């Protein structure tokens, strides 16, 4: 029953804004984040929100343009994106860590959503 469901993706023109949402069900995650993947590119951690509000990591490629936030209930995480660029085009996956084990890298998460397509036109 544990799952992550993304929403909010779509087509936007360069320079526009978009907000992605992810709703977690089945359990509370110790941390949640967003990983994107585009054809021909490696997976990239866009942002991660830890247990506390101050525990946030944002990729250099989106700093100043993207903000991750999490509800007090820790059931929903958002990714606010603005000044979007064509290179932001990718499938964005909501990811979550349960905790209780050692995580190898930035792409090591216990649960992944189905992904939400974001396409930025030029």
N, C-alpha and C. Protein backbone atom coordinates (compact mmCIF):
# COMPACT_ATOMS: atom_id res chain seq x y z
N UNK A 1 0.81 -1.22 0.00
CA UNK A 1 0.00 0.00 0.00
C UNK A 1 0.84 1.27 0.00
N UNK A 2 2.13 1.13 0.23
CA UNK A 2 3.01 2.29 0.23
C UNK A 2 3.21 2.75 -1.20
N UNK A 3 2.95 4.00 -1.45
CA UNK A 3 3.12 4.52 -2.78
C UNK A 3 3.31 6.03 -2.77
N UNK A 4 3.88 6.51 -3.86
CA UNK A 4 4.08 7.93 -4.09
C UNK A 4 3.40 8.27 -5.41
N UNK A 5 2.57 9.28 -5.40
CA UNK A 5 1.83 9.66 -6.58
C UNK A 5 2.12 11.12 -6.93
N UNK A 6 2.67 11.33 -8.11
CA UNK A 6 3.02 12.66 -8.56
C UNK A 6 1.89 13.28 -9.38
N UNK A 7 1.89 14.59 -9.43
CA UNK A 7 0.95 15.33 -10.26
C UNK A 7 1.52 16.71 -10.53
N UNK A 8 0.99 17.37 -11.53
CA UNK A 8 1.38 18.74 -11.81
C UNK A 8 2.27 18.93 -13.01
N UNK A 9 2.72 17.85 -13.61
CA UNK A 9 3.57 17.97 -14.78
C UNK A 9 2.79 18.43 -15.99
N UNK A 10 3.52 18.77 -17.03
CA UNK A 10 2.88 19.22 -18.24
C UNK A 10 3.82 19.99 -19.13
N UNK A 11 3.23 20.70 -20.07
CA UNK A 11 3.99 21.49 -21.03
C UNK A 11 3.99 22.95 -20.62
N UNK A 12 5.17 23.54 -20.64
CA UNK A 12 5.31 24.94 -20.28
C UNK A 12 6.36 25.58 -21.17
N UNK A 13 6.18 26.84 -21.46
CA UNK A 13 7.16 27.55 -22.27
C UNK A 13 8.37 27.94 -21.44
N UNK A 14 9.49 28.09 -22.11
CA UNK A 14 10.70 28.52 -21.42
C UNK A 14 10.44 29.82 -20.68
N UNK A 15 10.94 29.87 -19.45
CA UNK A 15 10.72 31.02 -18.62
C UNK A 15 9.49 30.92 -17.74
N UNK A 16 8.68 29.91 -17.99
CA UNK A 16 7.47 29.72 -17.23
C UNK A 16 7.69 29.02 -15.91
N UNK A 17 6.59 28.74 -15.22
CA UNK A 17 6.65 28.12 -13.91
C UNK A 17 5.75 26.90 -13.85
N UNK A 18 6.06 26.04 -12.92
CA UNK A 18 5.31 24.81 -12.74
C UNK A 18 5.48 24.34 -11.30
N UNK A 19 4.45 23.70 -10.77
CA UNK A 19 4.54 23.11 -9.45
C UNK A 19 4.18 21.64 -9.50
N UNK A 20 5.10 20.83 -9.06
CA UNK A 20 4.86 19.40 -8.95
C UNK A 20 4.46 19.05 -7.53
N UNK A 21 3.56 18.10 -7.41
CA UNK A 21 3.12 17.64 -6.10
C UNK A 21 3.29 16.14 -6.01
N UNK A 22 3.55 15.67 -4.81
CA UNK A 22 3.70 14.25 -4.57
C UNK A 22 3.01 13.91 -3.25
N UNK A 23 2.10 12.98 -3.31
CA UNK A 23 1.37 12.54 -2.13
C UNK A 23 1.83 11.14 -1.75
N UNK A 24 2.27 10.99 -0.53
CA UNK A 24 2.70 9.70 -0.02
C UNK A 24 1.56 9.05 0.76
N UNK A 25 1.43 7.77 0.60
CA UNK A 25 0.43 7.03 1.34
C UNK A 25 1.02 5.72 1.83
N UNK A 26 0.45 5.22 2.90
CA UNK A 26 0.91 3.95 3.44
C UNK A 26 1.87 4.08 4.60
N UNK A 27 2.64 5.15 4.61
CA UNK A 27 3.59 5.39 5.69
C UNK A 27 4.20 6.77 5.56
N UNK A 28 4.90 7.18 6.58
CA UNK A 28 5.64 8.43 6.57
C UNK A 28 7.09 8.15 6.20
N UNK A 29 7.64 8.98 5.33
CA UNK A 29 9.01 8.82 4.89
C UNK A 29 9.93 9.75 5.67
N UNK A 30 11.14 9.26 5.95
CA UNK A 30 12.12 10.06 6.66
C UNK A 30 12.58 11.23 5.79
N UNK A 31 12.66 11.00 4.51
CA UNK A 31 12.99 12.07 3.58
C UNK A 31 12.30 11.81 2.25
N UNK A 32 12.04 12.87 1.53
CA UNK A 32 11.42 12.78 0.22
C UNK A 32 12.14 13.74 -0.71
N UNK A 33 12.08 13.43 -1.98
CA UNK A 33 12.76 14.28 -2.93
C UNK A 33 12.26 14.08 -4.34
N UNK A 34 12.96 14.72 -5.25
CA UNK A 34 12.63 14.65 -6.67
C UNK A 34 13.87 14.31 -7.47
N UNK A 35 13.76 13.28 -8.28
CA UNK A 35 14.82 12.87 -9.19
C UNK A 35 14.28 12.94 -10.60
N UNK A 36 15.06 13.50 -11.49
CA UNK A 36 14.62 13.60 -12.88
C UNK A 36 15.54 12.79 -13.79
N UNK A 37 14.96 12.36 -14.89
CA UNK A 37 15.71 11.62 -15.88
C UNK A 37 15.23 11.98 -17.27
N UNK A 38 16.18 12.31 -18.11
CA UNK A 38 15.90 12.64 -19.49
C UNK A 38 16.66 11.67 -20.38
N UNK A 39 16.14 11.40 -21.57
CA UNK A 39 16.84 10.50 -22.49
C UNK A 39 18.26 10.95 -22.76
N UNK A 40 19.20 10.01 -22.67
CA UNK A 40 20.59 10.31 -22.91
C UNK A 40 21.32 10.92 -21.74
N UNK A 41 20.64 11.08 -20.63
CA UNK A 41 21.25 11.66 -19.45
C UNK A 41 21.10 10.73 -18.25
N UNK A 42 21.98 10.89 -17.30
CA UNK A 42 21.90 10.13 -16.07
C UNK A 42 20.84 10.73 -15.16
N UNK A 43 20.36 9.92 -14.26
CA UNK A 43 19.43 10.42 -13.27
C UNK A 43 20.08 11.51 -12.43
N UNK A 44 19.30 12.51 -12.10
CA UNK A 44 19.81 13.63 -11.34
C UNK A 44 18.88 13.94 -10.18
N UNK A 45 19.45 14.01 -9.01
CA UNK A 45 18.68 14.44 -7.84
C UNK A 45 18.47 15.95 -7.93
N UNK A 46 17.23 16.36 -8.07
CA UNK A 46 16.91 17.77 -8.18
C UNK A 46 16.89 18.42 -6.80
N UNK A 47 16.20 17.79 -5.87
CA UNK A 47 16.10 18.33 -4.53
C UNK A 47 15.66 17.23 -3.57
N UNK A 48 16.05 17.39 -2.33
CA UNK A 48 15.67 16.43 -1.30
C UNK A 48 15.29 17.18 -0.03
N UNK A 49 14.22 16.75 0.60
CA UNK A 49 13.76 17.34 1.84
C UNK A 49 13.83 16.29 2.93
N UNK A 50 14.62 16.56 3.96
CA UNK A 50 14.77 15.63 5.06
C UNK A 50 13.64 15.72 6.06
N UNK A 51 13.85 15.12 7.21
CA UNK A 51 12.81 15.09 8.24
C UNK A 51 12.46 16.48 8.74
N UNK A 52 13.47 17.31 8.93
CA UNK A 52 13.25 18.66 9.40
C UNK A 52 13.16 19.63 8.24
N UNK A 53 12.52 20.77 8.49
CA UNK A 53 12.34 21.76 7.43
C UNK A 53 13.65 22.34 6.95
N UNK A 54 14.66 22.37 7.81
CA UNK A 54 15.94 22.94 7.44
C UNK A 54 16.85 21.99 6.70
N UNK A 55 16.49 20.74 6.64
CA UNK A 55 17.32 19.74 5.98
C UNK A 55 16.91 19.62 4.51
N UNK A 56 17.48 20.49 3.69
CA UNK A 56 17.13 20.56 2.28
C UNK A 56 18.40 20.59 1.44
N UNK A 57 18.39 19.83 0.37
CA UNK A 57 19.49 19.83 -0.58
C UNK A 57 18.90 20.11 -1.97
N UNK A 58 19.52 21.02 -2.69
CA UNK A 58 19.08 21.38 -4.02
C UNK A 58 20.25 21.29 -4.98
N UNK A 59 20.01 20.72 -6.14
CA UNK A 59 21.06 20.58 -7.13
C UNK A 59 21.52 21.94 -7.65
N UNK A 60 22.80 22.03 -7.97
CA UNK A 60 23.34 23.28 -8.48
C UNK A 60 22.65 23.72 -9.77
N UNK A 61 22.21 22.75 -10.55
CA UNK A 61 21.60 23.05 -11.83
C UNK A 61 20.26 23.78 -11.71
N UNK A 62 19.64 23.71 -10.54
CA UNK A 62 18.33 24.33 -10.37
C UNK A 62 18.30 25.34 -9.24
N UNK A 63 19.41 25.56 -8.58
CA UNK A 63 19.44 26.51 -7.48
C UNK A 63 19.04 27.90 -7.95
N UNK A 64 18.17 28.51 -7.17
CA UNK A 64 17.66 29.82 -7.53
C UNK A 64 16.41 29.75 -8.37
N UNK A 65 16.09 28.58 -8.88
CA UNK A 65 14.92 28.41 -9.73
C UNK A 65 13.92 27.41 -9.18
N UNK A 66 14.37 26.55 -8.29
CA UNK A 66 13.50 25.51 -7.75
C UNK A 66 13.52 25.52 -6.23
N UNK A 67 12.36 25.29 -5.67
CA UNK A 67 12.22 25.23 -4.23
C UNK A 67 11.41 24.00 -3.84
N UNK A 68 11.94 23.23 -2.92
CA UNK A 68 11.22 22.06 -2.44
C UNK A 68 10.61 22.39 -1.08
N UNK A 69 9.42 21.91 -0.86
CA UNK A 69 8.75 22.12 0.41
C UNK A 69 7.97 20.87 0.77
N UNK A 70 7.65 20.76 2.05
CA UNK A 70 6.97 19.57 2.55
C UNK A 70 5.92 19.97 3.57
N UNK A 71 4.77 19.34 3.49
CA UNK A 71 3.71 19.61 4.44
C UNK A 71 4.13 19.21 5.84
N UNK A 72 3.54 19.86 6.82
CA UNK A 72 3.80 19.53 8.22
C UNK A 72 3.49 18.06 8.49
N UNK A 73 2.48 17.56 7.83
CA UNK A 73 2.10 16.16 7.99
C UNK A 73 3.12 15.20 7.40
N UNK A 74 4.00 15.72 6.58
CA UNK A 74 5.04 14.94 5.89
C UNK A 74 4.44 13.91 4.94
N UNK A 75 3.27 14.18 4.46
CA UNK A 75 2.63 13.30 3.49
C UNK A 75 2.72 13.83 2.07
N UNK A 76 3.02 15.11 1.93
CA UNK A 76 3.06 15.73 0.62
C UNK A 76 4.31 16.58 0.46
N UNK A 77 4.95 16.45 -0.67
CA UNK A 77 6.12 17.25 -0.98
C UNK A 77 5.88 17.96 -2.31
N UNK A 78 6.38 19.17 -2.41
CA UNK A 78 6.18 19.98 -3.60
C UNK A 78 7.53 20.38 -4.19
N UNK A 79 7.51 20.61 -5.48
CA UNK A 79 8.66 21.19 -6.16
C UNK A 79 8.16 22.37 -6.98
N UNK A 80 8.48 23.56 -6.52
CA UNK A 80 8.13 24.77 -7.25
C UNK A 80 9.27 25.12 -8.19
N UNK A 81 8.95 25.22 -9.45
CA UNK A 81 9.95 25.52 -10.47
C UNK A 81 9.56 26.77 -11.23
N UNK A 82 10.51 27.63 -11.42
CA UNK A 82 10.29 28.82 -12.22
C UNK A 82 11.50 29.07 -13.11
N UNK A 83 11.36 30.01 -14.01
CA UNK A 83 12.41 30.29 -14.99
C UNK A 83 12.87 29.00 -15.65
N UNK A 84 11.92 28.21 -16.05
CA UNK A 84 12.22 26.91 -16.62
C UNK A 84 12.95 27.02 -17.94
N UNK A 85 13.83 26.07 -18.16
CA UNK A 85 14.64 26.02 -19.36
C UNK A 85 14.37 24.71 -20.10
N UNK A 86 14.61 24.68 -21.40
CA UNK A 86 14.41 23.44 -22.14
C UNK A 86 15.18 22.26 -21.55
N UNK A 87 16.35 22.52 -20.98
CA UNK A 87 17.13 21.45 -20.39
C UNK A 87 16.51 20.88 -19.12
N UNK A 88 15.46 21.52 -18.62
CA UNK A 88 14.72 20.98 -17.49
C UNK A 88 13.74 19.89 -17.91
N UNK A 89 13.56 19.73 -19.20
CA UNK A 89 12.66 18.71 -19.71
C UNK A 89 13.12 17.33 -19.28
N UNK A 90 12.23 16.61 -18.62
CA UNK A 90 12.56 15.29 -18.10
C UNK A 90 11.33 14.68 -17.44
N UNK A 91 11.45 13.42 -17.10
CA UNK A 91 10.46 12.79 -16.24
C UNK A 91 10.91 13.00 -14.80
N UNK A 92 10.05 13.56 -14.01
CA UNK A 92 10.36 13.85 -12.63
C UNK A 92 9.72 12.80 -11.72
N UNK A 93 10.56 12.14 -10.95
CA UNK A 93 10.10 11.10 -10.05
C UNK A 93 10.13 11.58 -8.61
N UNK A 94 9.05 11.35 -7.92
CA UNK A 94 9.03 11.56 -6.48
C UNK A 94 9.64 10.34 -5.82
N UNK A 95 10.54 10.56 -4.89
CA UNK A 95 11.23 9.46 -4.24
C UNK A 95 11.19 9.63 -2.73
N UNK A 96 11.26 8.50 -2.03
CA UNK A 96 11.22 8.54 -0.58
C UNK A 96 12.15 7.54 0.05
N UNK A 97 12.70 7.93 1.19
CA UNK A 97 13.54 7.06 2.00
C UNK A 97 12.85 6.73 3.30
N UNK A 98 12.85 5.47 3.63
CA UNK A 98 12.26 5.02 4.88
C UNK A 98 13.23 5.21 6.05
N UNK A 99 14.51 4.99 5.77
CA UNK A 99 15.52 5.07 6.80
C UNK A 99 15.84 3.70 7.36
N UNK A 100 16.70 3.67 8.36
CA UNK A 100 17.04 2.42 9.00
C UNK A 100 18.11 1.61 8.28
N UNK A 101 18.72 2.17 7.28
CA UNK A 101 19.79 1.50 6.57
C UNK A 101 20.73 2.53 5.97
N UNK A 102 21.85 2.04 5.45
CA UNK A 102 22.82 2.91 4.80
C UNK A 102 22.43 3.11 3.35
N UNK A 103 22.41 4.36 2.92
CA UNK A 103 22.10 4.69 1.54
C UNK A 103 23.39 5.00 0.79
N UNK A 104 23.49 4.42 -0.41
CA UNK A 104 24.74 4.46 -1.16
C UNK A 104 25.00 5.81 -1.81
N UNK A 105 24.00 6.34 -2.50
CA UNK A 105 24.20 7.58 -3.22
C UNK A 105 22.92 8.40 -3.32
N UNK A 106 23.00 9.45 -4.12
CA UNK A 106 21.88 10.37 -4.27
C UNK A 106 20.68 9.76 -4.98
N UNK A 107 20.88 8.65 -5.66
CA UNK A 107 19.78 8.00 -6.36
C UNK A 107 19.29 6.76 -5.64
N UNK A 108 19.71 6.57 -4.41
CA UNK A 108 19.34 5.40 -3.63
C UNK A 108 18.13 5.74 -2.76
N UNK A 109 16.97 5.33 -3.21
CA UNK A 109 15.73 5.57 -2.48
C UNK A 109 14.91 4.29 -2.43
N UNK A 110 14.12 4.16 -1.40
CA UNK A 110 13.35 2.96 -1.18
C UNK A 110 12.11 2.88 -2.07
N UNK A 111 11.50 4.03 -2.31
CA UNK A 111 10.28 4.07 -3.10
C UNK A 111 10.35 5.15 -4.15
N UNK A 112 9.80 4.82 -5.30
CA UNK A 112 9.74 5.73 -6.44
C UNK A 112 8.31 5.83 -6.93
N UNK A 113 7.92 7.03 -7.31
CA UNK A 113 6.64 7.21 -7.96
C UNK A 113 6.72 6.81 -9.42
N UNK A 114 5.61 6.92 -10.11
CA UNK A 114 5.56 6.56 -11.52
C UNK A 114 6.20 7.60 -12.42
N UNK A 115 6.34 8.81 -11.94
CA UNK A 115 6.96 9.86 -12.71
C UNK A 115 5.95 10.79 -13.33
N UNK A 116 6.36 12.02 -13.51
CA UNK A 116 5.53 13.03 -14.14
C UNK A 116 6.36 13.76 -15.19
N UNK A 117 5.85 13.81 -16.40
CA UNK A 117 6.58 14.42 -17.49
C UNK A 117 6.50 15.93 -17.44
N UNK A 118 7.65 16.57 -17.50
CA UNK A 118 7.73 18.01 -17.61
C UNK A 118 8.43 18.33 -18.92
N UNK A 119 7.76 19.08 -19.76
CA UNK A 119 8.33 19.46 -21.05
C UNK A 119 8.37 20.98 -21.15
N UNK A 120 9.55 21.49 -21.38
CA UNK A 120 9.74 22.93 -21.50
C UNK A 120 10.07 23.24 -22.95
N UNK A 121 9.21 23.99 -23.59
CA UNK A 121 9.39 24.34 -24.99
C UNK A 121 10.22 25.61 -25.12
N UNK A 122 10.91 25.73 -26.23
CA UNK A 122 11.75 26.88 -26.48
C UNK A 122 11.11 27.81 -27.48
